[in-house]
N, C-alpha and C. Protein backbone atom coordinates (compact mmCIF):
# COMPACT_ATOMS: atom_id res chain seq x y z
N MET A 1 20.13 23.67 26.22
CA MET A 1 19.82 22.58 27.05
C MET A 1 19.57 21.35 26.34
N ILE A 2 20.36 20.34 26.52
CA ILE A 2 20.15 19.08 25.98
C ILE A 2 19.25 18.17 26.83
N LYS A 3 18.22 17.69 26.08
CA LYS A 3 17.28 16.85 26.93
C LYS A 3 17.89 15.45 26.93
N ARG A 4 18.13 14.79 27.98
CA ARG A 4 18.72 13.46 28.05
C ARG A 4 17.49 12.55 28.34
N GLU A 5 16.78 12.32 27.17
CA GLU A 5 15.57 11.43 27.35
C GLU A 5 15.66 10.13 28.07
N ARG A 6 16.71 9.43 27.88
CA ARG A 6 16.85 8.17 28.53
C ARG A 6 16.89 8.26 30.06
N TYR A 7 17.77 9.17 30.52
CA TYR A 7 17.91 9.44 31.92
C TYR A 7 16.70 9.96 32.54
N LEU A 8 16.12 10.97 31.86
CA LEU A 8 14.88 11.68 32.27
C LEU A 8 13.70 10.58 32.48
N LYS A 9 13.67 9.67 31.47
CA LYS A 9 12.52 8.73 31.62
C LYS A 9 12.80 7.78 32.81
N PHE A 10 14.01 7.35 33.01
CA PHE A 10 14.33 6.51 34.09
C PHE A 10 13.96 7.16 35.39
N LEU A 11 14.25 8.38 35.55
CA LEU A 11 13.98 9.12 36.77
C LEU A 11 12.47 9.36 37.01
N THR A 12 11.83 9.84 35.89
CA THR A 12 10.35 10.15 36.06
C THR A 12 9.54 8.86 36.26
N ASP A 13 9.96 7.72 35.68
CA ASP A 13 9.25 6.46 35.84
C ASP A 13 9.44 6.02 37.35
N ALA A 14 10.46 6.40 38.00
CA ALA A 14 10.71 5.90 39.40
C ALA A 14 10.35 7.03 40.34
N ILE A 15 9.81 8.08 39.94
CA ILE A 15 9.66 9.35 40.83
C ILE A 15 8.87 9.04 42.00
N ASP A 16 7.83 8.07 42.06
CA ASP A 16 6.95 7.96 43.19
C ASP A 16 7.23 6.74 44.08
N ASN A 17 8.36 6.01 43.73
CA ASN A 17 8.74 4.87 44.63
C ASN A 17 9.43 5.48 45.85
N GLU A 18 9.70 4.69 46.76
CA GLU A 18 10.29 5.09 48.17
C GLU A 18 11.76 5.26 48.17
N PHE A 19 12.36 4.96 47.07
CA PHE A 19 13.87 4.90 47.04
C PHE A 19 14.35 6.26 46.67
N ILE A 20 15.59 6.67 47.36
CA ILE A 20 16.22 7.88 47.11
C ILE A 20 17.04 7.74 45.75
N LYS A 21 16.91 8.74 44.79
CA LYS A 21 17.76 8.66 43.64
C LYS A 21 18.90 9.55 43.68
N VAL A 22 19.99 9.07 43.33
CA VAL A 22 21.26 9.74 43.34
C VAL A 22 21.83 9.88 42.01
N ILE A 23 22.09 11.02 41.61
CA ILE A 23 22.68 11.36 40.23
C ILE A 23 24.12 11.62 40.36
N THR A 24 25.02 10.82 39.87
CA THR A 24 26.43 11.20 39.94
C THR A 24 27.05 11.34 38.49
N GLY A 25 28.19 11.87 38.43
CA GLY A 25 28.80 12.03 37.14
C GLY A 25 29.96 13.03 37.17
N VAL A 26 30.72 13.09 36.12
CA VAL A 26 31.78 13.99 36.11
C VAL A 26 31.29 15.37 36.13
N ARG A 27 32.24 16.32 36.30
CA ARG A 27 31.84 17.80 36.33
C ARG A 27 31.32 18.20 34.94
N ARG A 28 30.31 19.04 34.99
CA ARG A 28 29.75 19.63 33.84
C ARG A 28 29.25 18.66 32.85
N SER A 29 28.64 17.51 33.29
CA SER A 29 27.99 16.49 32.56
C SER A 29 26.49 16.60 32.40
N GLY A 30 25.95 17.68 33.06
CA GLY A 30 24.49 17.84 32.88
C GLY A 30 23.61 17.39 34.01
N LYS A 31 24.18 17.08 35.26
CA LYS A 31 23.39 16.55 36.39
C LYS A 31 22.51 17.58 36.72
N SER A 32 22.84 18.85 37.01
CA SER A 32 21.95 19.85 37.51
C SER A 32 20.92 20.17 36.57
N VAL A 33 21.17 20.08 35.12
CA VAL A 33 20.18 20.33 34.13
C VAL A 33 19.11 19.23 34.26
N LEU A 34 19.62 17.94 34.49
CA LEU A 34 18.68 16.83 34.62
C LEU A 34 17.72 17.02 35.71
N LEU A 35 18.30 17.51 36.87
CA LEU A 35 17.42 17.77 38.03
C LEU A 35 16.32 18.86 37.73
N MET A 36 16.77 19.80 37.03
CA MET A 36 15.79 20.85 36.61
C MET A 36 14.64 20.35 35.79
N GLN A 37 15.17 19.34 34.84
CA GLN A 37 14.15 18.72 33.97
C GLN A 37 13.13 17.85 34.73
N VAL A 38 13.72 17.25 35.64
CA VAL A 38 12.71 16.38 36.63
C VAL A 38 11.75 17.27 37.19
N GLN A 39 12.19 18.40 37.83
CA GLN A 39 11.36 19.28 38.47
C GLN A 39 10.34 19.85 37.41
N ASP A 40 10.70 20.10 36.21
CA ASP A 40 9.68 20.53 35.13
C ASP A 40 8.60 19.51 34.94
N GLU A 41 9.16 18.22 34.95
CA GLU A 41 8.19 17.10 34.78
C GLU A 41 7.23 16.93 35.94
N LEU A 42 7.66 17.20 37.11
CA LEU A 42 6.73 17.27 38.34
C LEU A 42 5.67 18.31 38.15
N ARG A 43 6.19 19.55 37.71
CA ARG A 43 5.17 20.65 37.57
C ARG A 43 4.19 20.22 36.44
N ASN A 44 4.67 19.64 35.35
CA ASN A 44 3.74 19.24 34.33
C ASN A 44 2.78 18.10 34.83
N ARG A 45 3.03 17.41 35.82
CA ARG A 45 2.16 16.51 36.44
C ARG A 45 1.27 17.04 37.40
N GLY A 46 1.37 18.46 37.62
CA GLY A 46 0.45 19.01 38.48
C GLY A 46 0.88 19.25 39.94
N ILE A 47 2.19 18.82 40.15
CA ILE A 47 2.68 19.12 41.50
C ILE A 47 2.92 20.48 41.65
N SER A 48 2.57 21.02 42.77
CA SER A 48 2.75 22.54 43.02
C SER A 48 4.20 22.84 43.52
N ALA A 49 4.53 24.12 43.15
CA ALA A 49 5.92 24.52 43.46
C ALA A 49 6.23 24.41 44.94
N ASP A 50 5.33 24.56 45.72
CA ASP A 50 5.67 24.51 47.27
C ASP A 50 5.83 23.03 47.68
N GLN A 51 5.55 22.01 46.88
CA GLN A 51 5.85 20.61 47.08
C GLN A 51 7.24 20.32 46.61
N ILE A 52 7.88 21.20 45.95
CA ILE A 52 9.31 20.85 45.45
C ILE A 52 10.27 21.77 46.20
N VAL A 53 11.06 20.88 47.02
CA VAL A 53 12.14 21.52 47.89
C VAL A 53 13.40 21.37 47.23
N SER A 54 14.14 22.50 46.88
CA SER A 54 15.32 22.40 46.21
C SER A 54 16.38 22.97 47.25
N MET A 55 17.36 22.43 47.61
CA MET A 55 18.29 22.89 48.60
C MET A 55 19.80 22.68 48.07
N ASN A 56 20.53 23.81 47.97
CA ASN A 56 22.01 23.87 47.57
C ASN A 56 22.82 23.90 48.77
N PHE A 57 23.64 22.89 48.89
CA PHE A 57 24.50 22.74 50.02
C PHE A 57 25.53 23.82 50.09
N GLU A 58 25.86 24.50 48.91
CA GLU A 58 26.82 25.57 48.93
C GLU A 58 26.22 27.03 49.01
N SER A 59 24.90 27.11 49.14
CA SER A 59 24.22 28.36 49.32
C SER A 59 24.34 28.73 50.83
N PHE A 60 24.66 29.96 51.04
CA PHE A 60 24.73 30.53 52.35
C PHE A 60 23.29 30.56 53.02
N ARG A 61 22.31 30.78 52.23
CA ARG A 61 20.87 30.83 52.58
C ARG A 61 20.41 29.67 53.33
N ASN A 62 21.06 28.47 52.96
CA ASN A 62 20.74 27.22 53.55
C ASN A 62 21.52 26.84 54.75
N ALA A 63 22.42 27.69 55.16
CA ALA A 63 23.27 27.38 56.31
C ALA A 63 22.36 27.25 57.62
N VAL A 64 21.40 27.99 57.75
CA VAL A 64 20.53 27.92 58.85
C VAL A 64 19.86 26.50 58.96
N TYR A 65 19.58 25.83 57.92
CA TYR A 65 19.03 24.57 57.92
C TYR A 65 19.96 23.46 58.10
N LEU A 66 21.20 23.64 57.39
CA LEU A 66 22.15 22.61 57.44
C LEU A 66 22.92 22.47 58.77
N ASN A 67 22.85 23.61 59.53
CA ASN A 67 23.51 23.58 60.83
C ASN A 67 22.51 23.37 62.04
N ASN A 68 21.16 23.31 61.55
CA ASN A 68 20.19 23.23 62.64
C ASN A 68 19.13 22.21 62.14
N PRO A 69 19.34 20.94 62.38
CA PRO A 69 18.32 19.98 61.89
C PRO A 69 16.88 20.24 62.47
N GLU A 70 16.71 20.65 63.61
CA GLU A 70 15.41 21.01 64.30
C GLU A 70 14.70 22.13 63.37
N LYS A 71 15.50 23.11 62.92
CA LYS A 71 14.91 24.23 62.07
C LYS A 71 14.53 23.74 60.75
N LEU A 72 15.33 22.65 60.12
CA LEU A 72 15.08 22.13 58.89
C LEU A 72 13.70 21.34 58.91
N TYR A 73 13.63 20.51 60.03
CA TYR A 73 12.51 19.61 60.13
C TYR A 73 11.20 20.65 60.43
N GLU A 74 11.33 21.53 61.19
CA GLU A 74 10.25 22.40 61.45
C GLU A 74 9.69 23.09 60.18
N ASP A 75 10.63 23.59 59.39
CA ASP A 75 10.36 24.30 57.98
C ASP A 75 9.62 23.14 57.16
N LEU A 76 10.23 21.96 57.03
CA LEU A 76 9.67 20.95 56.12
C LEU A 76 8.30 20.61 56.58
N MET A 77 8.03 20.42 57.86
CA MET A 77 6.69 20.12 58.35
C MET A 77 5.78 21.17 58.00
N ALA A 78 6.16 22.42 58.18
CA ALA A 78 5.27 23.48 57.84
C ALA A 78 4.93 23.46 56.41
N ARG A 79 5.88 23.24 55.52
CA ARG A 79 5.67 23.19 54.03
C ARG A 79 4.69 21.91 53.69
N GLN A 80 4.83 20.78 54.34
CA GLN A 80 4.19 19.59 53.95
C GLN A 80 2.73 19.71 53.97
N ASN A 81 2.21 20.26 54.93
CA ASN A 81 0.74 20.54 55.12
C ASN A 81 -0.14 19.43 54.48
N GLY A 82 0.19 18.19 54.84
CA GLY A 82 -0.41 16.95 54.37
C GLY A 82 -0.15 16.45 52.91
N LYS A 83 0.74 17.30 52.22
CA LYS A 83 1.06 16.90 50.89
C LYS A 83 2.50 16.10 50.98
N LYS A 84 2.67 15.45 49.72
CA LYS A 84 3.98 14.78 49.50
C LYS A 84 4.98 15.95 49.11
N LEU A 85 6.18 15.96 49.63
CA LEU A 85 7.21 16.80 49.31
C LEU A 85 8.27 16.03 48.39
N TYR A 86 8.96 16.66 47.49
CA TYR A 86 9.98 16.22 46.63
C TYR A 86 11.15 17.09 46.92
N PHE A 87 12.26 16.33 47.34
CA PHE A 87 13.51 17.00 47.65
C PHE A 87 14.50 16.89 46.65
N PHE A 88 15.24 17.98 46.26
CA PHE A 88 16.27 18.16 45.24
C PHE A 88 17.49 18.75 46.13
N LEU A 89 18.45 17.94 46.37
CA LEU A 89 19.64 18.29 47.17
C LEU A 89 20.84 18.34 46.16
N THR A 90 21.35 19.50 46.09
CA THR A 90 22.55 19.55 45.24
C THR A 90 23.72 20.42 45.82
N LYS A 91 24.91 20.17 45.24
CA LYS A 91 26.01 20.76 45.80
C LYS A 91 26.37 22.18 44.94
N TYR A 92 25.91 22.14 43.72
CA TYR A 92 26.27 23.22 42.83
C TYR A 92 24.92 24.19 42.64
N SER A 93 25.13 25.35 42.39
CA SER A 93 24.04 26.33 42.10
C SER A 93 23.49 26.04 40.63
N TRP A 94 22.30 26.36 40.42
CA TRP A 94 21.74 26.21 39.05
C TRP A 94 21.27 27.52 38.58
């Protein structure tokens, strides 16, 4: 796994602002690996695993949420429990 220090620093420096971060790039350029590294950084900062929500749009397991926004909202509110959540939405499996 190649650590992309520049991109990782850019994302981790902006992790707590209110803006959505979008990572784009050509196929097999390391986007998913970069997302895993950001999640590792969150855990290193003391963020618990239940605050990190990772959802793959190609996973059949997530179909219940993607087809039912009320179910997604209900699940996220139950997870939130007064804490800040970090969402990672991806198209590909990691």
